[in-house]
Amino acid sequence: MSRTPRRLSAAALLLPLVLALPACGDDAEPGAVVPEAPSSGNAFPVTVTGDDGELTLDERPEAVVSMSATATEMLFAVGAGDQVEAVDSTSDFPAGAPTTDLSAFTPSAEAIAGYEPDLVVLSDDLNGVVDSLDALGIPTLLLGAADDLEEAYDQIRALGAATGHPQEAAEVVADVQERIDAAVGSVPDDAAGMRVYHELDPSYYSATSDTFIGGVYSLFGLENIADGAADQAGGYPQLSAEYVVGRAPDLVVLADTACCGETAATLAQRPAFDTVPAVQEGRVLEVDDAVASRWGPRVADLAEAVAGALRG
């Protein structure tokens, strides 16, 4: 294993699960497979690029620890599930993932090292865990929250290459792209320009078009009401009930069903929300918080759900 250092930027958590801000680099895009990487087969060495630099793996890793719920989903999707030794406590999908009490929010290099990994995948460098793992000679691949679909696809390809599954990763990306394209194409033209409100929690935190989730709504030509917030808060502004009602969204997506028990019924019971077009016309979409907060393959599930709501 060898690493070419790159400039790091700190990742931050604004809200649980969804608001980890990605780092930026000076060379290849994080998550990209550099030209030296093989395009097919399980040939090693392979070099991939993460937020913590270029990583060259001389052999296929057989004991992977994932400290990112999104990375866990990606690893299993590309066929590397048998190589995953342990995952953090937030990695609840797929059902067969070896979930442990490892914390992605207060990571311990010593606890991670106890699983004797030959690759650790993370979405945040908290507690200086990357340097600590490097000091222990444990390879790390830092893949922060994607800004858009292309970055998410790059991360899937990178994890496929890093684990010896480049072809499977390419197939996953192609499938997600096809499903999203089909979902967008299934929506009537008059859906363009409809207003959407994405709710992260009942205190009205939302996501603008500059975020990964906001980019999904942009594919449908929707107008995101959060884009008009005075304080953009890094793409995740806190709106108010009055603001949401006043902007009269045609579609409401509740991404706080698991955390907070929100439903179309509870939304309709809020003061003045019975005047909101989305409530009146039955376009309140209840989604799994995890699906709406992760940038993995299940983004296609979200796109299909949005399309279904727009079609009525």
Protein backbone atom coordinates (compact mmCIF):
# COMPACT_ATOMS: atom_id res chain seq x y z
CA MET A 1 0.00 0.00 0.00
CA SER A 2 1.27 3.47 -0.85
CA ARG A 3 -0.28 6.90 -0.70
CA THR A 4 0.32 10.18 -2.48
CA PRO A 5 -0.60 12.95 -0.03
CA ARG A 6 -3.11 15.60 -0.99
CA ARG A 7 -4.55 18.67 0.65
CA LEU A 8 -7.35 17.77 3.04
CA SER A 9 -10.36 19.84 4.01
CA ALA A 10 -12.33 19.14 7.17
CA ALA A 11 -15.72 17.49 6.88
CA ALA A 12 -18.49 18.83 9.09
CA LEU A 13 -21.78 17.47 10.37
CA LEU A 14 -24.65 19.96 10.27
CA LEU A 15 -27.40 17.40 10.78
CA PRO A 16 -27.14 13.66 11.52
CA LEU A 17 -26.54 11.42 8.50
CA VAL A 18 -27.22 13.93 5.77
CA LEU A 19 -25.05 16.99 6.24
CA ALA A 20 -21.47 15.75 5.97
CA LEU A 21 -19.76 18.22 3.66
CA PRO A 22 -17.31 16.72 1.14
CA ALA A 23 -13.66 17.70 0.96
CA CYS A 24 -11.98 19.04 -2.15
CA GLY A 25 -8.67 18.14 -3.68
CA ASP A 26 -6.17 19.68 -6.03
CA ASP A 27 -5.73 16.86 -8.53
CA ALA A 28 -8.12 14.08 -9.52
CA GLU A 29 -11.67 14.25 -8.26
CA PRO A 30 -12.20 12.37 -4.98
CA GLY A 31 -13.59 8.94 -5.68
CA ALA A 32 -12.09 8.84 -9.15
CA VAL A 33 -10.12 5.90 -10.49
CA VAL A 34 -6.82 7.23 -11.80
CA PRO A 35 -5.64 6.14 -15.27
CA GLU A 36 -3.34 3.44 -13.88
CA ALA A 37 -6.35 1.50 -12.56
CA PRO A 38 -7.43 -1.51 -14.62
CA SER A 39 -10.78 -1.15 -16.35
CA SER A 40 -11.78 -4.77 -15.82
CA GLY A 41 -10.81 -7.89 -13.97
CA ASN A 42 -9.25 -8.24 -10.56
CA ALA A 43 -5.73 -7.16 -11.54
CA PHE A 44 -3.69 -5.38 -8.89
CA PRO A 45 -2.02 -3.06 -8.04
CA VAL A 46 -4.77 -0.50 -8.46
CA THR A 47 -4.77 3.21 -7.64
CA VAL A 48 -7.86 5.14 -6.60
CA THR A 49 -8.31 8.70 -5.39
CA GLY A 50 -10.14 9.78 -2.25
CA ASP A 51 -10.37 12.97 -0.26
CA ASP A 52 -7.23 11.85 1.58
CA GLY A 53 -5.15 11.39 -1.56
CA GLU A 54 -4.23 8.70 -4.05
CA LEU A 55 -4.18 5.21 -2.63
CA THR A 56 -2.39 2.30 -4.30
CA LEU A 57 -3.41 -1.17 -3.20
CA ASP A 58 -0.97 -3.92 -4.18
CA GLU A 59 -3.43 -6.72 -3.45
CA ARG A 60 -7.17 -7.16 -3.27
CA PRO A 61 -8.34 -6.25 0.27
CA GLU A 62 -10.02 -9.14 2.05
CA ALA A 63 -10.89 -7.44 5.35
CA VAL A 64 -12.62 -4.14 4.68
CA VAL A 65 -14.03 -1.96 7.44
CA SER A 66 -16.63 0.59 6.36
CA MET A 67 -17.15 3.63 8.57
CA SER A 68 -19.72 5.09 6.18
CA ALA A 69 -23.30 3.91 5.76
CA THR A 70 -23.25 5.03 2.13
CA ALA A 71 -19.96 3.27 1.42
CA THR A 72 -21.38 0.11 3.00
CA GLU A 73 -24.29 0.18 0.56
CA MET A 74 -21.89 0.75 -2.34
CA LEU A 75 -19.55 -2.07 -1.29
CA PHE A 76 -22.35 -4.60 -1.15
CA ALA A 77 -23.86 -3.33 -4.39
CA VAL A 78 -20.61 -3.90 -6.32
CA GLY A 79 -20.24 -7.43 -4.97
CA ALA A 80 -17.63 -6.79 -2.28
CA GLY A 81 -19.88 -7.82 0.61
CA ASP A 82 -17.89 -10.98 1.34
CA GLN A 83 -14.79 -8.83 1.84
CA VAL A 84 -16.46 -6.54 4.39
CA GLU A 85 -15.30 -7.53 7.87
CA ALA A 86 -17.14 -4.86 9.87
CA VAL A 87 -19.25 -1.74 9.41
CA ASP A 88 -20.10 1.16 11.68
CA SER A 89 -23.23 1.39 13.81
CA THR A 90 -25.15 3.53 11.28
CA SER A 91 -24.70 1.02 8.45
CA ASP A 92 -28.13 -0.58 8.55
CA PHE A 93 -28.39 -1.61 4.89
CA PRO A 94 -28.26 -4.17 3.42
CA ALA A 95 -29.60 -6.51 6.08
CA GLY A 96 -26.55 -8.77 5.88
CA ALA A 97 -24.03 -6.03 6.65
CA PRO A 98 -21.86 -6.91 9.69
CA THR A 99 -22.97 -3.98 11.83
CA THR A 100 -20.88 -3.30 14.95
CA ASP A 101 -20.75 -0.64 17.65
CA LEU A 102 -17.99 1.23 15.80
CA SER A 103 -18.93 4.91 15.80
CA ALA A 104 -18.59 6.98 12.64
CA PHE A 105 -19.10 10.13 14.71
CA THR A 106 -16.41 9.43 17.34
CA PRO A 107 -14.18 6.96 15.48
CA SER A 108 -11.41 5.14 17.30
CA ALA A 109 -8.43 3.99 15.27
CA GLU A 110 -7.66 1.36 17.90
CA ALA A 111 -11.18 -0.07 17.77
CA ILE A 112 -11.08 -0.17 13.97
CA ALA A 113 -7.63 -1.78 14.00
CA GLY A 114 -9.04 -4.55 16.18
CA TYR A 115 -10.72 -5.97 13.08
CA GLU A 116 -7.33 -6.20 11.34
CA PRO A 117 -8.52 -4.43 8.18
CA ASP A 118 -6.51 -4.15 4.99
CA LEU A 119 -8.75 -1.25 3.88
CA VAL A 120 -10.88 1.25 5.82
CA VAL A 121 -13.46 3.37 4.00
CA LEU A 122 -14.73 6.55 5.66
CA SER A 123 -16.92 9.52 4.79
CA ASP A 124 -15.43 11.86 7.43
CA ASP A 125 -12.01 12.38 8.98
CA LEU A 126 -13.16 12.95 12.54
CA ASN A 127 -10.84 12.76 15.56
CA GLY A 128 -7.90 12.69 13.14
CA VAL A 129 -8.73 9.04 12.48
CA VAL A 130 -7.15 8.97 9.01
CA ASP A 131 -3.72 10.01 10.33
CA SER A 132 -4.06 7.57 13.21
CA LEU A 133 -4.88 4.70 10.85
CA ASP A 134 -2.05 5.72 8.53
CA ALA A 135 0.32 5.61 11.50
CA LEU A 136 -0.81 2.03 12.09
CA GLY A 137 -0.11 1.16 8.46
CA ILE A 138 -3.80 0.66 7.66
CA PRO A 139 -4.89 1.89 4.19
CA THR A 140 -7.74 4.40 4.21
CA LEU A 141 -10.05 5.69 1.49
CA LEU A 142 -11.91 8.85 2.47
CA LEU A 143 -15.02 9.42 0.35
CA GLY A 144 -16.99 12.40 1.63
CA ALA A 145 -20.58 13.29 0.85
CA ALA A 146 -21.06 13.65 -2.91
CA ASP A 147 -22.13 17.01 -4.31
CA ASP A 148 -23.92 15.46 -7.27
CA LEU A 149 -24.69 12.21 -9.02
CA GLU A 150 -21.44 12.16 -10.99
CA GLU A 151 -19.43 12.24 -7.76
CA ALA A 152 -21.57 9.42 -6.39
CA TYR A 153 -20.91 7.38 -9.52
CA ASP A 154 -17.18 8.08 -9.21
CA GLN A 155 -17.24 6.74 -5.65
CA ILE A 156 -18.99 3.55 -6.73
CA ARG A 157 -16.38 3.04 -9.44
CA ALA A 158 -13.55 3.75 -6.99
CA LEU A 159 -14.83 1.21 -4.47
CA GLY A 160 -15.30 -1.31 -7.24
CA ALA A 161 -11.73 -0.85 -8.41
CA ALA A 162 -10.32 -0.85 -4.86
CA THR A 163 -12.01 -4.16 -4.02
CA GLY A 164 -11.43 -5.91 -7.34
CA HIS A 165 -14.94 -5.43 -8.75
CA PRO A 166 -14.58 -2.76 -11.45
CA GLN A 167 -16.96 -4.41 -13.91
CA GLU A 168 -19.65 -4.91 -11.28
CA ALA A 169 -19.28 -1.27 -10.26
CA ALA A 170 -19.70 -0.15 -13.86
CA GLU A 171 -22.88 -2.21 -14.08
CA VAL A 172 -24.24 -0.69 -10.87
CA VAL A 173 -23.61 2.83 -12.17
CA ALA A 174 -25.24 2.01 -15.51
CA ASP A 175 -28.29 0.53 -13.76
CA VAL A 176 -28.72 3.55 -11.48
CA GLN A 177 -28.36 5.93 -14.44
CA GLU A 178 -30.91 4.01 -16.49
CA ARG A 179 -33.42 3.88 -13.67
CA ILE A 180 -33.11 7.59 -12.94
CA ASP A 181 -33.40 8.49 -16.62
CA ALA A 182 -36.50 6.32 -16.92
CA ALA A 183 -38.02 7.90 -13.80
CA VAL A 184 -37.45 11.42 -15.11
CA GLY A 185 -38.78 10.45 -18.53
CA SER A 186 -41.96 9.03 -17.03
CA VAL A 187 -43.11 12.36 -15.61
CA PRO A 188 -45.45 14.59 -17.62
CA ASP A 189 -43.91 17.74 -19.07
CA ASP A 190 -46.18 19.95 -17.00
CA ALA A 191 -44.42 18.78 -13.82
CA ALA A 192 -41.52 21.08 -14.68
CA GLY A 193 -41.68 24.22 -12.57
CA MET A 194 -43.65 22.61 -9.77
CA ARG A 195 -42.42 23.65 -6.31
CA VAL A 196 -40.87 21.08 -3.96
CA TYR A 197 -40.16 21.21 -0.23
CA HIS A 198 -37.74 18.61 1.16
CA GLU A 199 -38.05 18.25 4.93
CA LEU A 200 -35.09 16.94 6.90
CA ASP A 201 -36.75 17.28 10.30
CA PRO A 202 -39.89 18.83 11.82
CA SER A 203 -38.01 22.04 12.66
CA TYR A 204 -38.00 22.77 8.92
CA TYR A 205 -34.41 22.13 7.98
CA SER A 206 -34.32 21.62 4.26
CA ALA A 207 -31.90 21.18 1.33
CA THR A 208 -31.26 23.54 -1.57
CA SER A 209 -30.53 22.72 -5.19
CA ASP A 210 -26.80 23.00 -4.40
CA THR A 211 -26.91 19.76 -2.41
CA PHE A 212 -26.87 16.18 -3.62
CA ILE A 213 -30.54 15.63 -2.80
CA GLY A 214 -31.49 18.98 -4.31
CA GLY A 215 -29.78 17.93 -7.53
CA VAL A 216 -32.17 15.00 -7.81
CA TYR A 217 -35.15 17.37 -7.81
CA SER A 218 -33.45 19.52 -10.42
CA LEU A 219 -33.45 16.54 -12.79
CA PHE A 220 -37.25 16.75 -12.79
CA GLY A 221 -37.21 20.52 -13.41
CA LEU A 222 -38.69 21.23 -10.00
CA GLU A 223 -38.38 24.59 -8.24
CA ASN A 224 -36.88 24.07 -4.80
CA ILE A 225 -38.44 26.45 -2.29
CA ALA A 226 -35.33 26.25 -0.08
CA ASP A 227 -33.35 28.08 -2.76
CA GLY A 228 -35.10 31.28 -1.73
CA ALA A 229 -34.04 31.10 1.93
CA ALA A 230 -32.15 34.16 3.14
CA ASP A 231 -29.57 32.08 4.99
CA GLN A 232 -28.46 29.17 2.81
CA ALA A 233 -26.48 27.57 5.69
CA GLY A 234 -24.19 25.63 3.40
CA GLY A 235 -27.10 24.28 1.40
CA TYR A 236 -29.16 23.20 4.41
CA PRO A 237 -31.20 26.22 5.59
CA GLN A 238 -33.70 26.16 8.39
CA LEU A 239 -36.99 27.43 7.04
CA SER A 240 -40.14 28.25 9.01
CA ALA A 241 -43.69 26.99 8.87
CA GLU A 242 -44.82 30.36 7.60
CA TYR A 243 -42.20 30.33 4.86
CA VAL A 244 -43.14 26.84 3.68
CA VAL A 245 -46.86 27.58 3.65
CA GLY A 246 -46.25 30.87 1.88
CA ARG A 247 -44.24 29.22 -0.89
CA ALA A 248 -47.10 26.77 -1.48
CA PRO A 249 -45.12 23.67 -2.50
CA ASP A 250 -46.78 21.31 -4.98
CA LEU A 251 -44.72 18.38 -3.67
CA VAL A 252 -43.54 17.75 -0.11
CA VAL A 253 -40.95 15.06 0.53
CA LEU A 254 -40.78 13.98 4.16
CA ALA A 255 -37.31 12.64 4.94
CA ASP A 256 -38.06 12.54 8.66
CA THR A 257 -40.37 9.53 8.78
CA ALA A 258 -38.00 7.23 10.68
CA CYS A 259 -36.35 9.76 12.95
CA CYS A 260 -39.41 11.72 13.88
CA GLY A 261 -42.52 9.80 12.85
CA GLU A 262 -43.66 12.40 10.34
CA THR A 263 -46.34 11.37 7.85
CA ALA A 264 -48.70 12.98 5.37
CA ALA A 265 -51.29 12.96 8.15
CA THR A 266 -49.10 14.73 10.71
CA LEU A 267 -48.08 17.29 8.09
CA ALA A 268 -51.71 18.07 7.30
CA GLN A 269 -52.39 18.66 10.99
CA ARG A 270 -49.87 21.49 11.24
CA PRO A 271 -51.45 24.96 11.37
CA ALA A 272 -52.28 26.30 7.88
CA PHE A 273 -50.76 23.30 6.09
CA ASP A 274 -54.21 22.27 4.88
CA THR A 275 -53.86 25.18 2.43
CA VAL A 276 -50.66 23.80 0.87
CA PRO A 277 -51.23 22.43 -2.67
CA ALA A 278 -49.17 19.30 -1.96
CA VAL A 279 -51.44 18.45 0.97
CA GLN A 280 -54.64 19.29 -0.86
CA GLU A 281 -53.67 17.27 -3.93
CA GLY A 282 -52.14 14.29 -2.13
CA ARG A 283 -48.55 14.85 -3.23
CA VAL A 284 -46.84 14.29 0.12
CA LEU A 285 -44.13 11.68 -0.29
CA GLU A 286 -43.01 9.74 2.78
CA VAL A 287 -39.48 8.39 2.29
CA ASP A 288 -37.00 6.41 4.33
CA ASP A 289 -34.65 8.90 5.99
CA ALA A 290 -31.63 6.80 5.05
CA VAL A 291 -32.59 6.56 1.38
CA ALA A 292 -33.02 10.32 1.24
CA SER A 293 -29.76 11.08 3.06
CA ARG A 294 -27.28 8.74 1.35
CA TRP A 295 -25.69 9.13 -2.03
CA GLY A 296 -25.48 5.43 -2.84
CA PRO A 297 -27.29 3.21 -5.35
CA ARG A 298 -30.67 3.64 -3.63
CA VAL A 299 -30.84 7.18 -5.01
CA ALA A 300 -32.59 5.46 -7.94
CA ASP A 301 -35.30 4.31 -5.49
CA LEU A 302 -35.77 7.92 -4.44
CA ALA A 303 -35.97 9.17 -8.02
CA GLU A 304 -38.59 6.54 -8.82
CA ALA A 305 -40.61 7.50 -5.74
CA VAL A 306 -40.49 11.19 -6.70
CA ALA A 307 -41.60 10.31 -10.22
CA GLY A 308 -44.50 8.30 -8.86
CA ALA A 309 -45.63 11.22 -6.70
CA LEU A 310 -45.42 13.64 -9.63
CA ARG A 311 -47.40 11.33 -11.88
CA GLY A 312 -50.05 11.07 -9.19
